[in-house]
Protein backbone atom coordinates (compact mmCIF):
# COMPACT_ATOMS: atom_id res chain seq x y z
CA MET A 1 0.00 0.00 0.00
CA SER A 2 1.56 3.29 -1.10
CA ALA A 3 -1.06 5.65 0.36
CA HIS A 4 0.06 7.48 3.50
CA VAL A 5 -2.15 7.15 6.56
CA THR A 6 -2.72 10.17 8.81
CA ILE A 7 -4.06 9.42 12.28
CA ILE A 8 -5.48 12.19 14.46
CA GLY A 9 -5.08 11.35 18.14
CA ALA A 10 -2.38 9.46 20.05
CA GLY A 11 -4.69 7.57 22.37
CA LEU A 12 -4.67 3.79 22.60
CA GLY A 13 -6.73 3.29 19.44
CA GLY A 14 -4.70 5.61 17.25
CA LEU A 15 -1.39 4.21 18.47
CA MET A 16 -2.62 0.64 18.01
CA LEU A 17 -3.52 1.44 14.41
CA ALA A 18 -0.09 2.96 13.81
CA ARG A 19 1.63 -0.07 15.34
CA VAL A 20 -0.34 -2.65 13.33
CA LEU A 21 0.30 -0.69 10.14
CA HIS A 22 4.01 -0.61 11.03
CA VAL A 23 3.99 -4.40 11.51
CA HIS A 24 2.64 -4.68 7.96
CA GLY A 25 5.13 -2.22 6.49
CA ILE A 26 2.65 0.65 6.02
CA THR A 27 3.71 4.20 6.86
CA ALA A 28 1.53 6.25 9.18
CA THR A 29 1.89 9.51 11.07
CA VAL A 30 0.01 10.26 14.28
CA TYR A 31 -0.78 13.89 15.13
CA GLU A 32 -1.53 14.68 18.78
CA ALA A 33 -2.56 17.96 20.44
CA ASP A 34 -0.63 17.21 23.64
CA ALA A 35 2.82 18.81 23.72
CA SER A 36 4.53 15.57 24.78
CA PRO A 37 3.76 12.04 25.99
CA ASP A 38 3.91 13.32 29.58
CA ALA A 39 1.83 16.46 29.12
CA ARG A 40 -1.02 15.06 31.26
CA THR A 41 -2.02 11.98 33.19
CA GLN A 42 -3.44 9.20 31.07
CA GLY A 43 -6.18 7.90 33.34
CA GLY A 44 -6.21 4.97 35.67
CA GLN A 45 -6.17 1.22 35.58
CA LEU A 46 -7.73 -0.76 32.74
CA ASP A 47 -8.81 -4.38 32.57
CA ILE A 48 -7.80 -5.73 29.19
CA HIS A 49 -10.19 -8.38 27.92
CA GLU A 50 -9.39 -11.59 26.08
CA HIS A 51 -11.94 -11.11 23.29
CA ASN A 52 -10.98 -7.59 22.19
CA GLY A 53 -8.09 -5.75 23.85
CA GLN A 54 -5.82 -8.77 24.05
CA VAL A 55 -6.70 -9.71 20.45
CA ALA A 56 -5.47 -6.28 19.36
CA ILE A 57 -2.27 -6.56 21.39
CA GLU A 58 -1.55 -9.93 19.77
CA ALA A 59 -2.09 -8.38 16.32
CA ALA A 60 0.44 -5.72 17.28
CA GLY A 61 3.00 -8.35 18.24
CA LEU A 62 3.27 -7.00 21.77
CA SER A 63 1.88 -9.77 23.98
CA ALA A 64 5.13 -10.31 25.89
CA GLU A 65 5.54 -6.59 26.52
CA PHE A 66 1.92 -6.39 27.68
CA ARG A 67 2.32 -9.27 30.13
CA ALA A 68 5.23 -7.47 31.74
CA LEU A 69 2.90 -4.56 32.61
CA ILE A 70 0.26 -6.56 34.47
CA ARG A 71 -0.09 -5.90 38.19
CA PRO A 72 -0.68 -9.23 40.00
CA GLY A 73 -3.71 -9.37 42.26
CA ALA A 74 -5.42 -6.33 40.76
CA GLU A 75 -8.41 -8.30 39.43
CA ALA A 76 -9.83 -8.47 42.96
CA THR A 77 -13.29 -6.86 43.25
CA ARG A 78 -15.25 -5.60 46.24
CA VAL A 79 -18.78 -4.18 46.55
CA LEU A 80 -19.63 -2.31 49.74
CA GLY A 81 -22.82 -0.80 51.03
CA TYR A 82 -22.87 2.91 51.81
CA ASP A 83 -22.35 2.02 55.48
CA GLY A 84 -19.22 -0.02 54.73
CA THR A 85 -20.93 -3.42 54.84
CA VAL A 86 -19.12 -5.89 52.55
CA LEU A 87 -21.62 -7.19 50.00
CA LEU A 88 -19.14 -8.95 47.71
CA ASP A 89 -15.45 -9.73 48.08
CA GLU A 90 -13.91 -11.61 45.16
CA PRO A 91 -10.13 -12.09 45.20
CA ASP A 92 -8.05 -12.19 42.05
CA ASP A 93 -8.41 -15.79 40.85
CA GLY A 94 -5.10 -15.74 38.98
CA THR A 95 -6.64 -16.70 35.62
CA GLY A 96 -5.61 -13.47 33.91
CA HIS A 97 -8.83 -13.28 31.87
CA ARG A 98 -8.99 -9.51 32.41
CA PRO A 99 -5.53 -8.45 33.61
CA GLU A 100 -5.14 -4.93 34.97
CA VAL A 101 -2.62 -2.43 33.60
CA LEU A 102 -2.26 1.31 33.87
CA ARG A 103 -3.45 3.20 30.80
CA GLY A 104 -0.25 5.25 30.82
CA ASP A 105 1.92 2.13 30.82
CA LEU A 106 -0.07 0.66 27.93
CA ARG A 107 0.26 3.87 25.96
CA ARG A 108 4.00 3.97 26.60
CA MET A 109 4.29 0.37 25.37
CA LEU A 110 2.66 1.34 22.08
CA LEU A 111 4.73 4.52 21.71
CA ASP A 112 7.94 2.58 22.26
CA ALA A 113 6.91 0.14 19.52
CA LEU A 114 6.65 2.85 16.85
CA PRO A 115 9.45 4.28 14.69
CA ALA A 116 11.02 7.54 15.81
CA GLY A 117 9.03 10.50 14.56
CA ALA A 118 5.83 8.52 13.97
CA VAL A 119 4.01 10.72 16.49
CA ARG A 120 4.00 14.48 15.99
CA TRP A 121 3.30 16.17 19.32
CA GLY A 122 1.83 19.65 19.77
CA HIS A 123 -0.41 19.40 16.71
CA LYS A 124 -3.91 20.55 17.62
CA VAL A 125 -6.35 20.22 14.74
CA THR A 126 -8.29 23.39 13.94
CA ALA A 127 -9.87 22.42 10.62
CA VAL A 128 -10.25 19.51 8.22
CA ARG A 129 -11.50 19.78 4.65
CA PRO A 130 -11.92 17.39 1.72
CA LEU A 131 -9.84 18.00 -1.40
CA GLY A 132 -11.60 15.45 -3.61
CA ALA A 133 -10.64 11.94 -4.75
CA GLY A 134 -10.46 10.78 -1.12
CA ARG A 135 -7.75 13.24 -0.10
CA HIS A 136 -8.06 15.63 2.84
CA GLU A 137 -6.24 18.64 4.22
CA VAL A 138 -5.74 18.97 7.97
CA THR A 139 -4.91 22.36 9.49
CA PHE A 140 -3.28 22.69 12.91
CA ALA A 141 -2.99 25.56 15.34
CA GLY A 142 -0.34 27.88 13.93
CA GLU A 143 -1.71 27.29 10.40
CA ALA A 144 0.54 24.34 9.49
CA THR A 145 -1.22 21.89 7.17
CA VAL A 146 -0.84 18.35 5.88
CA THR A 147 -2.61 16.54 3.09
CA THR A 148 -3.33 12.84 3.25
CA ASP A 149 -4.64 9.90 1.25
CA VAL A 150 -6.19 8.19 4.29
CA LEU A 151 -7.47 10.17 7.29
CA VAL A 152 -8.44 8.43 10.53
CA GLY A 153 -10.18 10.22 13.38
CA ALA A 154 -8.93 8.62 16.58
CA ASP A 155 -9.45 11.87 18.44
CA GLY A 156 -12.06 10.91 21.00
CA ALA A 157 -15.44 12.18 22.10
CA TRP A 158 -15.16 15.64 20.56
CA SER A 159 -13.52 14.53 17.34
CA ARG A 160 -12.65 17.17 14.76
CA VAL A 161 -12.72 14.50 12.05
CA ARG A 162 -16.21 13.12 12.77
CA PRO A 163 -18.11 16.04 11.13
CA LEU A 164 -16.74 14.89 7.77
CA LEU A 165 -18.85 11.78 8.20
CA SER A 166 -21.66 12.46 10.64
CA THR A 167 -23.69 15.25 12.23
CA ALA A 168 -24.04 13.28 15.47
CA GLU A 169 -22.75 14.87 18.68
CA PRO A 170 -22.31 13.29 22.11
CA GLY A 171 -25.11 13.90 24.60
CA TYR A 172 -24.85 14.04 28.38
CA VAL A 173 -25.82 10.71 29.95
CA GLY A 174 -27.08 12.32 33.16
CA THR A 175 -24.17 11.28 35.37
CA SER A 176 -20.73 12.75 36.02
CA PHE A 177 -17.65 11.48 37.80
CA VAL A 178 -15.41 13.45 40.11
CA GLU A 179 -11.85 12.08 40.12
CA THR A 180 -9.60 12.03 43.19
CA TYR A 181 -6.28 10.41 44.22
CA LEU A 182 -4.89 9.27 47.57
CA PHE A 183 -1.16 8.50 47.81
CA GLU A 184 0.79 6.17 50.12
CA ALA A 185 -2.62 4.95 51.17
CA ASP A 186 -1.61 2.04 53.38
CA GLU A 187 0.42 4.34 55.63
CA ARG A 188 -1.48 7.62 55.33
CA HIS A 189 -5.07 6.48 54.69
CA PRO A 190 -5.27 2.96 56.15
CA ALA A 191 -9.05 2.80 56.60
CA ALA A 192 -9.69 3.76 52.97
CA ALA A 193 -6.97 1.36 51.84
CA ARG A 194 -8.59 -1.52 53.72
CA ALA A 195 -11.97 -0.65 52.24
CA VAL A 196 -10.65 -0.69 48.69
CA GLY A 197 -8.70 -3.92 49.17
CA ALA A 198 -6.29 -5.30 46.59
CA GLY A 199 -8.15 -4.32 43.43
CA ALA A 200 -11.39 -2.49 42.67
CA LEU A 201 -14.05 -1.13 45.02
CA MET A 202 -17.61 -0.15 44.12
CA ALA A 203 -20.04 1.34 46.63
CA PRO A 204 -23.19 2.51 44.81
CA VAL A 205 -26.66 3.59 45.82
CA PRO A 206 -29.27 4.86 43.35
CA GLY A 207 -28.10 8.15 41.92
CA GLN A 208 -24.58 8.14 43.29
CA GLY A 209 -21.61 6.05 44.34
CA ILE A 210 -17.92 5.80 45.06
CA GLN A 211 -15.61 3.68 42.90
CA ALA A 212 -11.90 3.23 43.49
CA HIS A 213 -8.98 1.17 42.26
CA ARG A 214 -5.72 0.34 43.93
CA GLU A 215 -2.81 1.20 41.65
CA ALA A 216 0.91 0.63 42.03
CA ASN A 217 2.87 2.17 44.91
CA GLY A 218 -0.08 2.49 47.25
CA VAL A 219 -2.14 4.83 45.06
CA LEU A 220 -5.92 4.83 45.43
CA HIS A 221 -7.59 6.28 42.34
CA ALA A 222 -11.23 7.13 42.95
CA TYR A 223 -14.21 8.19 40.86
CA VAL A 224 -17.22 9.62 42.68
CA SER A 225 -20.38 9.24 40.59
CA LEU A 226 -23.32 11.61 40.87
CA THR A 227 -26.46 11.54 38.75
CA ARG A 228 -27.13 15.25 38.58
CA PRO A 229 -27.82 17.81 35.81
CA LEU A 230 -24.87 19.59 34.27
CA ASP A 231 -26.16 22.82 35.82
CA TRP A 232 -25.69 21.29 39.28
CA PHE A 233 -22.00 20.73 38.59
CA ALA A 234 -21.64 24.13 36.93
CA ALA A 235 -22.62 25.73 40.23
CA ILE A 236 -19.54 24.20 41.90
CA ASP A 237 -16.25 26.06 41.63
CA PHE A 238 -13.85 23.28 40.67
CA GLY A 239 -11.13 25.90 40.55
CA ASN A 240 -11.38 25.99 44.34
CA ALA A 241 -10.31 22.51 45.44
CA ALA A 242 -11.51 22.83 49.04
CA ALA A 243 -14.92 24.19 48.07
CA ALA A 244 -15.41 21.56 45.36
CA THR A 245 -14.42 18.75 47.73
CA ALA A 246 -16.84 20.03 50.37
CA ALA A 247 -19.70 20.30 47.87
CA VAL A 248 -19.21 16.76 46.60
CA ALA A 249 -18.67 15.29 50.07
CA ALA A 250 -21.91 16.89 51.29
CA GLU A 251 -23.80 14.54 48.96
CA PHE A 252 -22.42 11.58 50.95
CA THR A 253 -23.46 12.57 54.45
CA GLY A 254 -24.06 9.45 56.53
CA TRP A 255 -21.76 7.23 54.48
CA ALA A 256 -19.00 5.21 56.14
CA PRO A 257 -15.96 7.41 56.86
CA GLU A 258 -13.59 4.93 55.19
CA LEU A 259 -15.55 5.56 51.98
CA THR A 260 -15.97 9.32 52.26
CA ALA A 261 -12.23 9.56 52.93
CA LEU A 262 -11.79 8.81 49.24
CA ILE A 263 -13.36 12.25 48.69
CA THR A 264 -12.30 14.31 51.68
CA ASP A 265 -8.71 13.03 51.86
CA GLY A 266 -8.03 13.50 48.15
CA GLU A 267 -4.51 14.80 47.59
CA THR A 268 -5.12 16.29 44.18
CA ALA A 269 -7.72 18.85 43.19
CA PRO A 270 -10.99 17.07 42.34
CA VAL A 271 -11.53 16.86 38.58
CA LEU A 272 -14.98 16.80 36.99
CA ARG A 273 -15.49 14.15 34.30
CA SER A 274 -18.91 14.63 32.72
CA LEU A 275 -20.08 11.53 30.86
CA HIS A 276 -21.36 11.76 27.31
CA ALA A 277 -22.36 9.24 24.65
CA LEU A 278 -23.10 9.05 20.95
CA PRO A 279 -26.42 7.49 19.86
CA VAL A 280 -26.54 3.70 20.01
CA GLY A 281 -25.95 2.35 16.52
CA HIS A 282 -24.11 5.47 15.33
CA ARG A 283 -22.97 4.98 11.74
CA TRP A 284 -22.33 6.96 8.60
CA ASP A 285 -22.32 6.60 4.83
CA ARG A 286 -19.00 5.76 3.22
CA VAL A 287 -16.99 8.91 2.57
CA PRO A 288 -13.85 8.35 0.47
CA GLY A 289 -10.54 8.43 2.29
CA VAL A 290 -11.72 8.93 5.88
CA THR A 291 -13.00 6.88 8.82
CA LEU A 292 -13.18 6.86 12.64
CA LEU A 293 -12.25 4.58 15.49
CA GLY A 294 -12.75 4.38 19.26
CA ASP A 295 -14.75 7.07 21.05
CA ALA A 296 -14.83 9.20 17.91
CA ALA A 297 -16.93 6.45 16.33
CA HIS A 298 -18.94 4.96 19.21
CA LEU A 299 -18.60 6.86 22.49
CA SER A 300 -20.66 5.03 25.12
CA PRO A 301 -21.20 5.14 28.89
CA PRO A 302 -18.19 3.64 30.70
CA ASN A 303 -18.39 -0.10 31.34
CA GLY A 304 -14.77 -1.19 31.05
CA GLU A 305 -14.88 -1.74 27.29
CA GLY A 306 -13.92 1.65 25.82
CA ALA A 307 -10.15 1.20 25.72
CA ASN A 308 -10.49 -2.43 24.65
CA LEU A 309 -12.77 -1.51 21.75
CA ALA A 310 -10.56 1.37 20.64
CA MET A 311 -7.56 -0.95 20.43
CA LEU A 312 -9.57 -3.59 18.57
CA ASP A 313 -10.80 -0.93 16.13
CA GLY A 314 -7.21 0.15 15.52
CA ALA A 315 -6.01 -3.40 14.97
CA GLU A 316 -8.88 -4.30 12.63
CA LEU A 317 -8.48 -1.14 10.58
CA GLY A 318 -4.75 -1.75 10.31
CA ARG A 319 -5.28 -5.32 9.12
CA ALA A 320 -7.96 -4.22 6.65
CA LEU A 321 -5.62 -1.68 5.08
CA ALA A 322 -2.90 -4.34 4.87
CA ASP A 323 -5.23 -6.98 3.43
CA HIS A 324 -6.63 -4.62 0.77
CA ALA A 325 -3.29 -3.39 -0.56
CA GLY A 326 -3.89 -0.70 -3.18
CA ASP A 327 -7.65 -0.55 -2.45
CA VAL A 328 -8.23 2.01 0.29
CA GLU A 329 -11.99 2.14 -0.23
CA GLY A 330 -12.26 -1.63 -0.08
CA ALA A 331 -10.33 -1.61 3.17
CA LEU A 332 -12.42 1.14 4.77
CA THR A 333 -15.66 -0.48 3.64
CA ALA A 334 -14.68 -3.85 5.08
CA TYR A 335 -13.58 -2.25 8.34
CA GLU A 336 -16.75 -0.20 8.76
CA GLN A 337 -19.06 -3.10 8.02
CA ARG A 338 -17.62 -4.98 11.01
CA LEU A 339 -17.30 -1.84 13.12
CA PHE A 340 -20.97 -0.84 12.81
CA VAL A 341 -22.32 -4.21 13.87
CA ARG A 342 -19.92 -4.60 16.78
CA SER A 343 -20.22 -1.05 18.07
CA ALA A 344 -24.04 -1.10 18.03
CA GLU A 345 -24.06 -4.27 20.11
CA GLU A 346 -21.43 -2.95 22.48
CA ALA A 347 -23.14 0.41 22.93
CA ALA A 348 -26.43 -1.25 23.84
CA GLU A 349 -24.62 -3.44 26.35
CA ALA A 350 -22.79 -0.42 27.78
CA TRP A 351 -26.10 1.26 28.56
CA ARG A 352 -27.39 -1.93 30.21
CA ASP A 353 -24.21 -2.26 32.28
CA PHE A 354 -24.36 1.40 33.24
CA GLU A 355 -27.85 0.96 34.63
CA LEU A 356 -26.90 -2.23 36.48
CA CYS A 357 -23.85 -0.56 38.02
CA LEU A 358 -25.29 2.87 38.81
CA GLY A 359 -29.06 2.69 38.36
CA GLU A 360 -32.11 2.38 40.59
CA LYS A 361 -31.54 -1.26 41.63
CA VAL A 362 -27.99 -0.96 42.92
CA PRO A 363 -26.22 -2.38 44.82
CA ASP A 364 -28.23 -5.60 44.29
CA SER A 365 -28.10 -5.40 40.48
CA LEU A 366 -24.33 -4.84 40.56
CA VAL A 367 -23.70 -7.82 42.84
CA ALA A 368 -25.91 -9.99 40.64
CA LEU A 369 -24.00 -8.90 37.54
CA LEU A 370 -20.58 -9.58 39.07
CA THR A 371 -21.56 -12.99 40.45
CA GLY A 372 -23.13 -14.17 37.21
CA ALA A 373 -26.63 -14.26 38.70
CA LEU A 374 -27.78 -11.73 36.12
CA ASP A 375 -27.16 -11.86 32.38
CA PRO A 376 -26.24 -8.33 31.25
CA ARG A 377 -27.53 -9.12 27.76
CA SER A 378 -31.04 -9.96 28.98
């Protein structure tokens, strides 16, 4: 394949695409708005599933490198009531079906597997326009431009590439997360550390909850969920860490102190993460020379599949371009046909999971889901 591939976004999906193309001898350049790989934190721990994320990693030829990143014991799961009562306590069974790795470590693994210069940092897209015959021009802040034969939007929820294909925009799902971190937790926050345990903690009631994950070096990474309108969050000054922490903590009056410590003892300023989603079954008509992957294509409520699906998208698109050498449109058509079916099914399941994990029947629905007593596809 002689056509050059331009990828917008150096997240897991875009980097996976670049790596699989590199494995097949196809040149690609990734353009990323961040100034460097370390410009911001890359999120928390991910469980990488056998049927999608691990399939992509195998296609990238990086299975050994991936295994070296896994944190033993991190698959443990606990569900607590708001009063601290243990409702479910499942240790890591050692099977490795959904091994846990840090998103930042996974991203670094993919970056290290690309040729020097494959990622161009500090390139924020300001405009994209078609030139005809499947070619596109991308303009970056500062007015630099590139033209490309194949353009891939791997640039997330608010993709600048998606409008070439679709008028759909993400809508607020009704719930937001507030992110906090506790450091050296076993020594400095022992009650919270015991509550979280070795892996993941979930403590939901209808309309709100506290989720946390133990990461390396005694870090507790927490997400506080609140089902509230966007206007409710807009009234909180997240620029004032103390005031924001107090406002969020006030919603958890009466909860066990070892749980509320994940809010009140946070050692970084609380960060608001409003949750949005594209319509279930989002698709588009074939437009020559351009396609999407990951959240740009099928943003859904979080259920542990987003990163896995983005990597699978990247791997499948890379293989399609390799298998259809000299036929870009054939490759993009084949990729999208599989993408649309898979992403519609996954988006519907994400909404079901979201309700089971955070909806009106928690914590019972969550415990039933985790123990296999409830089929999430029913």
